[in-house]
Amino acid sequence: MTNSRSKQHGGKREGAGRKSLGITKKVSITLEKEVWEEIEEKKGKEPMSSFLRKIILKYLKKDV
């Protein structure tokens, strides 16, 4: 038995969801253990991507 109502729920909706910050590129960075430890300490509970984005934009002198 099919329910015609179920076709009205779920799926993509225009304008829904989180807005993009830009283009996502996956990278792998090798740093010394002490550097990673300092990064972890300074970022606190902030997500790594957000923390690194701020550092990069500050370095490039973009508004953060």
PDB file of N, CA and C in Angstrom:
ATOM      1  N   MET A   1       0.845  -1.177   0.000  1.00  0.00           N
ATOM      2  CA  MET A   1       0.000   0.000   0.000  1.00  0.00           C
ATOM      3  C   MET A   1       0.893   1.244   0.000  1.00  0.00           C
ATOM      4  N   THR A   2       0.626   2.174  -0.885  1.00  0.00           N
ATOM      5  CA  THR A   2       1.413   3.403  -0.950  1.00  0.00           C
ATOM      6  C   THR A   2       0.628   4.554  -0.346  1.00  0.00           C
ATOM      7  N   ASN A   3       1.365   5.476   0.186  1.00  0.00           N
ATOM      8  CA  ASN A   3       0.760   6.643   0.813  1.00  0.00           C
ATOM      9  C   ASN A   3       1.113   7.857  -0.030  1.00  0.00           C
ATOM     10  N   SER A   4       0.146   8.481  -0.676  1.00  0.00           N
ATOM     11  CA  SER A   4       0.409   9.618  -1.553  1.00  0.00           C
ATOM     12  C   SER A   4       0.970  10.809  -0.772  1.00  0.00           C
ATOM     13  N   ARG A   5       0.711  10.861   0.512  1.00  0.00           N
ATOM     14  CA  ARG A   5       1.200  11.959   1.334  1.00  0.00           C
ATOM     15  C   ARG A   5       2.723  11.910   1.484  1.00  0.00           C
ATOM     16  N   SER A   6       3.314  10.727   1.478  1.00  0.00           N
ATOM     17  CA  SER A   6       4.753  10.588   1.694  1.00  0.00           C
ATOM     18  C   SER A   6       5.570  11.265   0.598  1.00  0.00           C
ATOM     19  N   LYS A   7       5.012  11.458  -0.567  1.00  0.00           N
ATOM     20  CA  LYS A   7       5.732  12.113  -1.658  1.00  0.00           C
ATOM     21  C   LYS A   7       5.903  13.605  -1.418  1.00  0.00           C
ATOM     22  N   GLN A   8       5.209  14.149  -0.455  1.00  0.00           N
ATOM     23  CA  GLN A   8       5.280  15.574  -0.163  1.00  0.00           C
ATOM     24  C   GLN A   8       6.329  15.898   0.900  1.00  0.00           C
ATOM     25  N   HIS A   9       6.949  14.911   1.480  1.00  0.00           N
ATOM     26  CA  HIS A   9       7.887  15.136   2.574  1.00  0.00           C
ATOM     27  C   HIS A   9       9.304  14.773   2.159  1.00  0.00           C
ATOM     28  N   GLY A  10      10.263  15.511   2.687  1.00  0.00           N
ATOM     29  CA  GLY A  10      11.668  15.210   2.453  1.00  0.00           C
ATOM     30  C   GLY A  10      12.164  15.742   1.119  1.00  0.00           C
ATOM     31  N   GLY A  11      13.419  15.512   0.863  1.00  0.00           N
ATOM     32  CA  GLY A  11      14.015  15.942  -0.397  1.00  0.00           C
ATOM     33  C   GLY A  11      14.499  17.383  -0.342  1.00  0.00           C
ATOM     34  N   LYS A  12      15.132  17.815  -1.422  1.00  0.00           N
ATOM     35  CA  LYS A  12      15.670  19.165  -1.503  1.00  0.00           C
ATOM     36  C   LYS A  12      14.562  20.196  -1.604  1.00  0.00           C
ATOM     37  N   ARG A  13      14.813  21.331  -0.954  1.00  0.00           N
ATOM     38  CA  ARG A  13      13.906  22.459  -1.057  1.00  0.00           C
ATOM     39  C   ARG A  13      14.749  23.696  -1.352  1.00  0.00           C
ATOM     40  N   GLU A  14      14.353  24.464  -2.339  1.00  0.00           N
ATOM     41  CA  GLU A  14      15.099  25.653  -2.711  1.00  0.00           C
ATOM     42  C   GLU A  14      15.211  26.597  -1.522  1.00  0.00           C
ATOM     43  N   GLY A  15      16.416  27.093  -1.286  1.00  0.00           N
ATOM     44  CA  GLY A  15      16.649  28.031  -0.191  1.00  0.00           C
ATOM     45  C   GLY A  15      16.837  27.387   1.165  1.00  0.00           C
ATOM     46  N   ALA A  16      16.703  26.074   1.258  1.00  0.00           N
ATOM     47  CA  ALA A  16      16.839  25.388   2.541  1.00  0.00           C
ATOM     48  C   ALA A  16      18.300  25.007   2.777  1.00  0.00           C
ATOM     49  N   GLY A  17      18.666  24.899   4.013  1.00  0.00           N
ATOM     50  CA  GLY A  17      20.001  24.418   4.364  1.00  0.00           C
ATOM     51  C   GLY A  17      21.003  25.539   4.600  1.00  0.00           C
ATOM     52  N   ARG A  18      22.182  25.127   4.993  1.00  0.00           N
ATOM     53  CA  ARG A  18      23.263  26.047   5.310  1.00  0.00           C
ATOM     54  C   ARG A  18      23.825  26.657   4.028  1.00  0.00           C
ATOM     55  N   LYS A  19      24.100  27.945   4.054  1.00  0.00           N
ATOM     56  CA  LYS A  19      24.674  28.633   2.900  1.00  0.00           C
ATOM     57  C   LYS A  19      26.168  28.326   2.815  1.00  0.00           C
ATOM     58  N   SER A  20      26.673  28.186   1.611  1.00  0.00           N
ATOM     59  CA  SER A  20      28.065  27.842   1.372  1.00  0.00           C
ATOM     60  C   SER A  20      28.995  29.006   1.735  1.00  0.00           C
ATOM     61  N   LEU A  21      30.147  28.679   2.293  1.00  0.00           N
ATOM     62  CA  LEU A  21      31.171  29.685   2.572  1.00  0.00           C
ATOM     63  C   LEU A  21      32.109  29.851   1.382  1.00  0.00           C
ATOM     64  N   GLY A  22      32.054  28.934   0.445  1.00  0.00           N
ATOM     65  CA  GLY A  22      32.949  28.979  -0.706  1.00  0.00           C
ATOM     66  C   GLY A  22      33.185  27.581  -1.241  1.00  0.00           C
ATOM     67  N   ILE A  23      34.338  27.402  -1.856  1.00  0.00           N
ATOM     68  CA  ILE A  23      34.717  26.123  -2.462  1.00  0.00           C
ATOM     69  C   ILE A  23      35.442  25.275  -1.419  1.00  0.00           C
ATOM     70  N   THR A  24      35.073  24.011  -1.314  1.00  0.00           N
ATOM     71  CA  THR A  24      35.735  23.101  -0.384  1.00  0.00           C
ATOM     72  C   THR A  24      36.801  22.308  -1.123  1.00  0.00           C
ATOM     73  N   LYS A  25      38.023  22.330  -0.576  1.00  0.00           N
ATOM     74  CA  LYS A  25      39.119  21.528  -1.110  1.00  0.00           C
ATOM     75  C   LYS A  25      39.721  20.741   0.044  1.00  0.00           C
ATOM     76  N   LYS A  26      39.899  19.463  -0.164  1.00  0.00           N
ATOM     77  CA  LYS A  26      40.492  18.596   0.858  1.00  0.00           C
ATOM     78  C   LYS A  26      42.014  18.685   0.745  1.00  0.00           C
ATOM     79  N   VAL A  27      42.676  18.919   1.875  1.00  0.00           N
ATOM     80  CA  VAL A  27      44.132  18.986   1.907  1.00  0.00           C
ATOM     81  C   VAL A  27      44.648  18.155   3.075  1.00  0.00           C
ATOM     82  N   SER A  28      45.878  17.760   2.982  1.00  0.00           N
ATOM     83  CA  SER A  28      46.533  17.033   4.062  1.00  0.00           C
ATOM     84  C   SER A  28      47.800  17.813   4.420  1.00  0.00           C
ATOM     85  N   ILE A  29      47.958  18.131   5.704  1.00  0.00           N
ATOM     86  CA  ILE A  29      49.096  18.930   6.148  1.00  0.00           C
ATOM     87  C   ILE A  29      49.892  18.132   7.175  1.00  0.00           C
ATOM     88  N   THR A  30      51.176  18.057   6.964  1.00  0.00           N
ATOM     89  CA  THR A  30      52.059  17.384   7.908  1.00  0.00           C
ATOM     90  C   THR A  30      52.797  18.437   8.731  1.00  0.00           C
ATOM     91  N   LEU A  31      52.601  18.386  10.034  1.00  0.00           N
ATOM     92  CA  LEU A  31      53.256  19.291  10.962  1.00  0.00           C
ATOM     93  C   LEU A  31      53.822  18.477  12.116  1.00  0.00           C
ATOM     94  N   GLU A  32      54.797  19.054  12.807  1.00  0.00           N
ATOM     95  CA  GLU A  32      55.360  18.381  13.966  1.00  0.00           C
ATOM     96  C   GLU A  32      54.291  18.227  15.049  1.00  0.00           C
ATOM     97  N   LYS A  33      54.453  17.203  15.862  1.00  0.00           N
ATOM     98  CA  LYS A  33      53.507  16.900  16.934  1.00  0.00           C
ATOM     99  C   LYS A  33      53.262  18.116  17.830  1.00  0.00           C
ATOM    100  N   GLU A  34      54.330  18.839  18.161  1.00  0.00           N
ATOM    101  CA  GLU A  34      54.214  20.001  19.040  1.00  0.00           C
ATOM    102  C   GLU A  34      53.345  21.094  18.417  1.00  0.00           C
ATOM    103  N   VAL A  35      53.428  21.247  17.104  1.00  0.00           N
ATOM    104  CA  VAL A  35      52.607  22.250  16.411  1.00  0.00           C
ATOM    105  C   VAL A  35      51.138  21.857  16.480  1.00  0.00           C
ATOM    106  N   TRP A  36      50.838  20.572  16.216  1.00  0.00           N
ATOM    107  CA  TRP A  36      49.443  20.106  16.305  1.00  0.00           C
ATOM    108  C   TRP A  36      48.911  20.291  17.722  1.00  0.00           C
ATOM    109  N   GLU A  37      49.727  20.019  18.715  1.00  0.00           N
ATOM    110  CA  GLU A  37      49.300  20.186  20.101  1.00  0.00           C
ATOM    111  C   GLU A  37      48.970  21.643  20.406  1.00  0.00           C
ATOM    112  N   GLU A  38      49.792  22.567  19.890  1.00  0.00           N
ATOM    113  CA  GLU A  38      49.538  23.992  20.095  1.00  0.00           C
ATOM    114  C   GLU A  38      48.253  24.426  19.377  1.00  0.00           C
ATOM    115  N   ILE A  39      48.053  23.928  18.172  1.00  0.00           N
ATOM    116  CA  ILE A  39      46.828  24.242  17.427  1.00  0.00           C
ATOM    117  C   ILE A  39      45.617  23.753  18.216  1.00  0.00           C
ATOM    118  N   GLU A  40      45.649  22.507  18.687  1.00  0.00           N
ATOM    119  CA  GLU A  40      44.538  21.946  19.457  1.00  0.00           C
ATOM    120  C   GLU A  40      44.261  22.781  20.704  1.00  0.00           C
ATOM    121  N   GLU A  41      45.319  23.223  21.367  1.00  0.00           N
ATOM    122  CA  GLU A  41      45.165  24.020  22.586  1.00  0.00           C
ATOM    123  C   GLU A  41      44.533  25.376  22.279  1.00  0.00           C
ATOM    124  N   LYS A  42      45.002  26.036  21.232  1.00  0.00           N
ATOM    125  CA  LYS A  42      44.518  27.379  20.905  1.00  0.00           C
ATOM    126  C   LYS A  42      43.113  27.378  20.318  1.00  0.00           C
ATOM    127  N   LYS A  43      42.738  26.339  19.581  1.00  0.00           N
ATOM    128  CA  LYS A  43      41.410  26.324  18.952  1.00  0.00           C
ATOM    129  C   LYS A  43      40.310  26.010  19.948  1.00  0.00           C
ATOM    130  N   GLY A  44      40.663  25.349  21.060  1.00  0.00           N
ATOM    131  CA  GLY A  44      39.652  25.003  22.051  1.00  0.00           C
ATOM    132  C   GLY A  44      38.589  24.104  21.440  1.00  0.00           C
ATOM    133  N   LYS A  45      37.320  24.477  21.615  1.00  0.00           N
ATOM    134  CA  LYS A  45      36.216  23.665  21.106  1.00  0.00           C
ATOM    135  C   LYS A  45      35.804  24.062  19.692  1.00  0.00           C
ATOM    136  N   GLU A  46      36.462  25.073  19.145  1.00  0.00           N
ATOM    137  CA  GLU A  46      36.140  25.531  17.787  1.00  0.00           C
ATOM    138  C   GLU A  46      36.486  24.441  16.776  1.00  0.00           C
ATOM    139  N   PRO A  47      35.647  24.245  15.765  1.00  0.00           N
ATOM    140  CA  PRO A  47      35.974  23.250  14.734  1.00  0.00           C
ATOM    141  C   PRO A  47      37.299  23.596  14.035  1.00  0.00           C
ATOM    142  N   MET A  48      38.065  22.570  13.698  1.00  0.00           N
ATOM    143  CA  MET A  48      39.370  22.770  13.074  1.00  0.00           C
ATOM    144  C   MET A  48      39.257  23.602  11.799  1.00  0.00           C
ATOM    145  N   SER A  49      38.264  23.320  10.962  1.00  0.00           N
ATOM    146  CA  SER A  49      38.134  24.040   9.697  1.00  0.00           C
ATOM    147  C   SER A  49      37.901  25.532   9.934  1.00  0.00           C
ATOM    148  N   SER A  50      37.084  25.866  10.903  1.00  0.00           N
ATOM    149  CA  SER A  50      36.814  27.265  11.227  1.00  0.00           C
ATOM    150  C   SER A  50      38.071  27.957  11.753  1.00  0.00           C
ATOM    151  N   PHE A  51      38.772  27.284  12.636  1.00  0.00           N
ATOM    152  CA  PHE A  51      40.001  27.829  13.216  1.00  0.00           C
ATOM    153  C   PHE A  51      41.053  28.088  12.137  1.00  0.00           C
ATOM    154  N   LEU A  52      41.275  27.104  11.276  1.00  0.00           N
ATOM    155  CA  LEU A  52      42.280  27.253  10.223  1.00  0.00           C
ATOM    156  C   LEU A  52      41.848  28.301   9.192  1.00  0.00           C
ATOM    157  N   ARG A  53      40.543  28.384   8.895  1.00  0.00           N
ATOM    158  CA  ARG A  53      40.039  29.400   7.966  1.00  0.00           C
ATOM    159  C   ARG A  53      40.387  30.796   8.475  1.00  0.00           C
ATOM    160  N   LYS A  54      40.179  31.040   9.781  1.00  0.00           N
ATOM    161  CA  LYS A  54      40.492  32.344  10.369  1.00  0.00           C
ATOM    162  C   LYS A  54      41.976  32.667  10.257  1.00  0.00           C
ATOM    163  N   ILE A  55      42.820  31.680  10.542  1.00  0.00           N
ATOM    164  CA  ILE A  55      44.265  31.892  10.458  1.00  0.00           C
ATOM    165  C   ILE A  55      44.670  32.248   9.023  1.00  0.00           C
ATOM    166  N   ILE A  56      44.166  31.497   8.055  1.00  0.00           N
ATOM    167  CA  ILE A  56      44.513  31.725   6.651  1.00  0.00           C
ATOM    168  C   ILE A  56      44.023  33.089   6.185  1.00  0.00           C
ATOM    169  N   LEU A  57      42.775  33.432   6.499  1.00  0.00           N
ATOM    170  CA  LEU A  57      42.238  34.722   6.068  1.00  0.00           C
ATOM    171  C   LEU A  57      42.981  35.885   6.725  1.00  0.00           C
ATOM    172  N   LYS A  58      43.362  35.717   7.977  1.00  0.00           N
ATOM    173  CA  LYS A  58      44.142  36.765   8.660  1.00  0.00           C
ATOM    174  C   LYS A  58      45.504  36.928   7.979  1.00  0.00           C
ATOM    175  N   TYR A  59      46.132  35.815   7.647  1.00  0.00           N
ATOM    176  CA  TYR A  59      47.428  35.846   6.958  1.00  0.00           C
ATOM    177  C   TYR A  59      47.311  36.551   5.606  1.00  0.00           C
ATOM    178  N   LEU A  60      46.202  36.299   4.909  1.00  0.00           N
ATOM    179  CA  LEU A  60      45.975  36.910   3.595  1.00  0.00           C
ATOM    180  C   LEU A  60      45.349  38.307   3.721  1.00  0.00           C
ATOM    181  N   LYS A  61      45.148  38.748   4.973  1.00  0.00           N
ATOM    182  CA  LYS A  61      44.594  40.063   5.283  1.00  0.00           C
ATOM    183  C   LYS A  61      43.196  40.275   4.731  1.00  0.00           C
ATOM    184  N   LYS A  62      42.373  39.238   4.836  1.00  0.00           N
ATOM    185  CA  LYS A  62      40.965  39.342   4.469  1.00  0.00           C
ATOM    186  C   LYS A  62      40.166  39.552   5.735  1.00  0.00           C
ATOM    187  N   ASP A  63      38.991  40.179   5.631  1.00  0.00           N
ATOM    188  CA  ASP A  63      38.139  40.360   6.805  1.00  0.00           C
ATOM    189  C   ASP A  63      37.693  39.006   7.333  1.00  0.00           C
ATOM    190  N   VAL A  64      37.792  38.850   8.637  1.00  0.00           N
ATOM    191  CA  VAL A  64      37.403  37.588   9.264  1.00  0.00           C
ATOM    192  C   VAL A  64      36.141  37.799  10.066  1.00  0.00           C
TER     193      VAL A  64
END
